[in-house]
Amino acid sequence: MASSKNYTEVLIGGKVFTLSGFESEDYLQKVSTYLNHKIEECTSSDGYRKQSAEARSVLLALNIADDYFKAKKQGGALESDIEEKDKEMYDLKHELISVQIKYENAEKALDKLKAENQELQMKIVQLETEMKNHRTK
């Protein structure tokens, strides 16, 4: 957001308005474009055009409020999805750490068994050598 107030002229419903705000001019233009789209959407209905100016204003406001609440609901659903994914990711990280610890322990056990195996192989060679020496005597 900019720190100074922006002013921009926009066309809404065929009339020029000067909007001001701390948002960018592009943002203010987007808002007016959205509003023009909603106006076009409503005026395309015969029932809307037959209403009084006051009723048309209320119907337009209701359409905008409907969009707002749908977007808010969708945003809430997305936040829930993000929270769920964060929990899944936390669980997976926890599981990964657990598996890594098990893997490291298995590697240590394997190294120990390899060392024991090597000692036993050396013991076999030693015993075989002793047997040969014993036979030759």
C-alpha atoms as a PDB file:
ATOM      1  CA  MET A   1       0.000   0.000   0.000  1.00  0.00           C
ATOM      2  CA  ALA A   2       1.230   3.481  -0.826  1.00  0.00           C
ATOM      3  CA  SER A   3       1.772   5.985   1.994  1.00  0.00           C
ATOM      4  CA  SER A   4       0.186   8.935   0.168  1.00  0.00           C
ATOM      5  CA  LYS A   5      -3.377   9.292  -0.991  1.00  0.00           C
ATOM      6  CA  ASN A   6      -4.003   8.591  -4.673  1.00  0.00           C
ATOM      7  CA  TYR A   7      -6.635  10.274  -6.801  1.00  0.00           C
ATOM      8  CA  THR A   8      -7.914   8.863 -10.049  1.00  0.00           C
ATOM      9  CA  GLU A   9     -10.840   9.437 -12.343  1.00  0.00           C
ATOM     10  CA  VAL A  10     -12.967   6.407 -13.153  1.00  0.00           C
ATOM     11  CA  LEU A  11     -15.996   5.781 -15.311  1.00  0.00           C
ATOM     12  CA  ILE A  12     -18.834   4.049 -13.429  1.00  0.00           C
ATOM     13  CA  GLY A  13     -22.203   3.545 -15.034  1.00  0.00           C
ATOM     14  CA  GLY A  14     -21.371   6.062 -17.744  1.00  0.00           C
ATOM     15  CA  LYS A  15     -20.441   8.840 -15.269  1.00  0.00           C
ATOM     16  CA  VAL A  16     -16.978  10.081 -14.329  1.00  0.00           C
ATOM     17  CA  PHE A  17     -16.082   9.948 -10.647  1.00  0.00           C
ATOM     18  CA  THR A  18     -12.892  10.966  -8.862  1.00  0.00           C
ATOM     19  CA  LEU A  19     -11.862   8.277  -6.417  1.00  0.00           C
ATOM     20  CA  SER A  20      -9.280   8.740  -3.725  1.00  0.00           C
ATOM     21  CA  GLY A  21      -7.599   6.260  -1.471  1.00  0.00           C
ATOM     22  CA  PHE A  22      -4.296   4.919  -0.251  1.00  0.00           C
ATOM     23  CA  GLU A  23      -4.530   2.035  -2.704  1.00  0.00           C
ATOM     24  CA  SER A  24      -2.868   2.261  -6.097  1.00  0.00           C
ATOM     25  CA  GLU A  25      -4.597   3.808  -9.089  1.00  0.00           C
ATOM     26  CA  ASP A  26      -4.644   0.366 -10.720  1.00  0.00           C
ATOM     27  CA  TYR A  27      -6.535  -1.007  -7.749  1.00  0.00           C
ATOM     28  CA  LEU A  28      -9.072   1.825  -7.867  1.00  0.00           C
ATOM     29  CA  GLN A  29      -9.535   1.149 -11.601  1.00  0.00           C
ATOM     30  CA  LYS A  30     -10.069  -2.564 -10.888  1.00  0.00           C
ATOM     31  CA  VAL A  31     -12.752  -1.714  -8.327  1.00  0.00           C
ATOM     32  CA  SER A  32     -14.563   0.515 -10.800  1.00  0.00           C
ATOM     33  CA  THR A  33     -14.252  -2.156 -13.522  1.00  0.00           C
ATOM     34  CA  TYR A  34     -15.788  -4.709 -11.150  1.00  0.00           C
ATOM     35  CA  LEU A  35     -18.622  -2.323 -10.327  1.00  0.00           C
ATOM     36  CA  ASN A  36     -19.264  -1.637 -14.032  1.00  0.00           C
ATOM     37  CA  HIS A  37     -19.375  -5.386 -14.646  1.00  0.00           C
ATOM     38  CA  LYS A  38     -21.954  -5.833 -11.868  1.00  0.00           C
ATOM     39  CA  ILE A  39     -24.019  -2.954 -13.248  1.00  0.00           C
ATOM     40  CA  GLU A  40     -23.949  -4.520 -16.728  1.00  0.00           C
ATOM     41  CA  GLU A  41     -24.843  -7.900 -15.264  1.00  0.00           C
ATOM     42  CA  CYS A  42     -27.860  -6.470 -13.459  1.00  0.00           C
ATOM     43  CA  THR A  43     -29.068  -4.222 -16.292  1.00  0.00           C
ATOM     44  CA  SER A  44     -29.102  -7.189 -18.661  1.00  0.00           C
ATOM     45  CA  SER A  45     -32.142  -8.447 -16.723  1.00  0.00           C
ATOM     46  CA  ASP A  46     -35.561  -7.108 -17.792  1.00  0.00           C
ATOM     47  CA  GLY A  47     -36.845  -7.396 -14.217  1.00  0.00           C
ATOM     48  CA  TYR A  48     -33.994  -5.230 -12.929  1.00  0.00           C
ATOM     49  CA  ARG A  49     -34.572  -2.498 -15.504  1.00  0.00           C
ATOM     50  CA  LYS A  50     -38.286  -2.311 -14.590  1.00  0.00           C
ATOM     51  CA  GLN A  51     -37.486  -1.504 -10.954  1.00  0.00           C
ATOM     52  CA  SER A  52     -37.270   1.968  -9.443  1.00  0.00           C
ATOM     53  CA  ALA A  53     -33.846   3.580  -9.088  1.00  0.00           C
ATOM     54  CA  GLU A  54     -33.894   2.845  -5.355  1.00  0.00           C
ATOM     55  CA  ALA A  55     -34.786  -0.832  -5.903  1.00  0.00           C
ATOM     56  CA  ARG A  56     -32.046  -1.122  -8.581  1.00  0.00           C
ATOM     57  CA  SER A  57     -29.511   0.302  -6.116  1.00  0.00           C
ATOM     58  CA  VAL A  58     -30.567  -2.201  -3.463  1.00  0.00           C
ATOM     59  CA  LEU A  59     -30.451  -5.097  -5.943  1.00  0.00           C
ATOM     60  CA  LEU A  60     -26.991  -4.030  -7.124  1.00  0.00           C
ATOM     61  CA  ALA A  61     -25.808  -3.801  -3.504  1.00  0.00           C
ATOM     62  CA  LEU A  62     -27.284  -7.259  -2.819  1.00  0.00           C
ATOM     63  CA  ASN A  63     -25.423  -8.713  -5.805  1.00  0.00           C
ATOM     64  CA  ILE A  64     -22.168  -7.177  -4.598  1.00  0.00           C
ATOM     65  CA  ALA A  65     -22.789  -8.401  -1.036  1.00  0.00           C
ATOM     66  CA  ASP A  66     -23.495 -11.875  -2.447  1.00  0.00           C
ATOM     67  CA  ASP A  67     -20.149 -11.847  -4.259  1.00  0.00           C
ATOM     68  CA  TYR A  68     -18.449 -10.671  -1.072  1.00  0.00           C
ATOM     69  CA  PHE A  69     -19.925 -13.427   1.105  1.00  0.00           C
ATOM     70  CA  LYS A  70     -19.171 -16.110  -1.487  1.00  0.00           C
ATOM     71  CA  ALA A  71     -15.567 -14.894  -1.722  1.00  0.00           C
ATOM     72  CA  LYS A  72     -15.320 -14.762   2.073  1.00  0.00           C
ATOM     73  CA  LYS A  73     -16.658 -18.330   2.330  1.00  0.00           C
ATOM     74  CA  GLN A  74     -14.193 -19.493  -0.331  1.00  0.00           C
ATOM     75  CA  GLY A  75     -11.382 -17.716   1.523  1.00  0.00           C
ATOM     76  CA  GLY A  76     -12.401 -19.470   4.744  1.00  0.00           C
ATOM     77  CA  ALA A  77     -12.470 -22.824   2.969  1.00  0.00           C
ATOM     78  CA  LEU A  78      -9.001 -22.141   1.541  1.00  0.00           C
ATOM     79  CA  GLU A  79      -7.717 -21.206   5.000  1.00  0.00           C
ATOM     80  CA  SER A  80      -9.136 -24.471   6.364  1.00  0.00           C
ATOM     81  CA  ASP A  81      -7.438 -26.368   3.536  1.00  0.00           C
ATOM     82  CA  ILE A  82      -4.148 -24.624   4.318  1.00  0.00           C
ATOM     83  CA  GLU A  83      -4.465 -25.487   8.018  1.00  0.00           C
ATOM     84  CA  GLU A  84      -5.219 -29.108   7.130  1.00  0.00           C
ATOM     85  CA  LYS A  85      -2.263 -29.257   4.734  1.00  0.00           C
ATOM     86  CA  ASP A  86      -0.027 -27.678   7.392  1.00  0.00           C
ATOM     87  CA  LYS A  87      -1.109 -30.370   9.875  1.00  0.00           C
ATOM     88  CA  GLU A  88      -0.495 -33.112   7.293  1.00  0.00           C
ATOM     89  CA  MET A  89       2.916 -31.635   6.528  1.00  0.00           C
ATOM     90  CA  TYR A  90       3.755 -31.502  10.257  1.00  0.00           C
ATOM     91  CA  ASP A  91       2.660 -35.139  10.659  1.00  0.00           C
ATOM     92  CA  LEU A  92       4.717 -36.177   7.626  1.00  0.00           C
ATOM     93  CA  LYS A  93       7.787 -34.337   8.923  1.00  0.00           C
ATOM     94  CA  HIS A  94       7.345 -36.055  12.293  1.00  0.00           C
ATOM     95  CA  GLU A  95       7.021 -39.415  10.553  1.00  0.00           C
ATOM     96  CA  LEU A  96      10.083 -38.650   8.413  1.00  0.00           C
ATOM     97  CA  ILE A  97      12.147 -37.852  11.493  1.00  0.00           C
ATOM     98  CA  SER A  98      10.949 -41.070  13.133  1.00  0.00           C
ATOM     99  CA  VAL A  99      11.855 -43.094  10.034  1.00  0.00           C
ATOM    100  CA  GLN A 100      15.255 -41.373   9.820  1.00  0.00           C
ATOM    101  CA  ILE A 101      15.971 -42.305  13.453  1.00  0.00           C
ATOM    102  CA  LYS A 102      14.948 -45.908  12.772  1.00  0.00           C
ATOM    103  CA  TYR A 103      17.129 -45.922   9.647  1.00  0.00           C
ATOM    104  CA  GLU A 104      20.122 -44.552  11.547  1.00  0.00           C
ATOM    105  CA  ASN A 105      19.620 -47.160  14.287  1.00  0.00           C
ATOM    106  CA  ALA A 106      19.348 -49.898  11.646  1.00  0.00           C
ATOM    107  CA  GLU A 107      22.573 -48.643  10.022  1.00  0.00           C
ATOM    108  CA  LYS A 108      24.342 -48.740  13.400  1.00  0.00           C
ATOM    109  CA  ALA A 109      23.040 -52.264  14.032  1.00  0.00           C
ATOM    110  CA  LEU A 110      24.165 -53.309  10.546  1.00  0.00           C
ATOM    111  CA  ASP A 111      27.625 -51.838  11.112  1.00  0.00           C
ATOM    112  CA  LYS A 112      27.823 -53.679  14.436  1.00  0.00           C
ATOM    113  CA  LEU A 113      26.776 -56.939  12.760  1.00  0.00           C
ATOM    114  CA  LYS A 114      29.315 -56.395   9.976  1.00  0.00           C
ATOM    115  CA  ALA A 115      32.020 -55.865  12.580  1.00  0.00           C
ATOM    116  CA  GLU A 116      30.913 -59.011  14.438  1.00  0.00           C
ATOM    117  CA  ASN A 117      30.846 -60.895  11.138  1.00  0.00           C
ATOM    118  CA  GLN A 118      34.359 -59.732  10.328  1.00  0.00           C
ATOM    119  CA  GLU A 119      35.553 -60.809  13.781  1.00  0.00           C
ATOM    120  CA  LEU A 120      33.918 -64.204  13.298  1.00  0.00           C
ATOM    121  CA  GLN A 121      35.483 -64.539   9.837  1.00  0.00           C
ATOM    122  CA  MET A 122      38.853 -63.783  11.372  1.00  0.00           C
ATOM    123  CA  LYS A 123      38.143 -66.307  14.130  1.00  0.00           C
ATOM    124  CA  ILE A 124      37.284 -68.939  11.480  1.00  0.00           C
ATOM    125  CA  VAL A 125      40.554 -68.239   9.659  1.00  0.00           C
ATOM    126  CA  GLN A 126      42.428 -68.444  12.952  1.00  0.00           C
ATOM    127  CA  LEU A 127      40.738 -71.745  13.892  1.00  0.00           C
ATOM    128  CA  GLU A 128      41.341 -73.187  10.417  1.00  0.00           C
ATOM    129  CA  THR A 129      44.974 -72.194  10.667  1.00  0.00           C
ATOM    130  CA  GLU A 130      45.215 -73.820  14.077  1.00  0.00           C
ATOM    131  CA  MET A 131      43.576 -76.987  12.685  1.00  0.00           C
ATOM    132  CA  LYS A 132      46.079 -77.108   9.810  1.00  0.00           C
ATOM    133  CA  ASN A 133      48.940 -76.580  12.202  1.00  0.00           C
ATOM    134  CA  HIS A 134      47.567 -79.260  14.484  1.00  0.00           C
ATOM    135  CA  ARG A 135      47.260 -81.761  11.601  1.00  0.00           C
ATOM    136  CA  THR A 136      50.746 -81.133  10.374  1.00  0.00           C
ATOM    137  CA  LYS A 137      52.315 -81.844  13.753  1.00  0.00           C
END
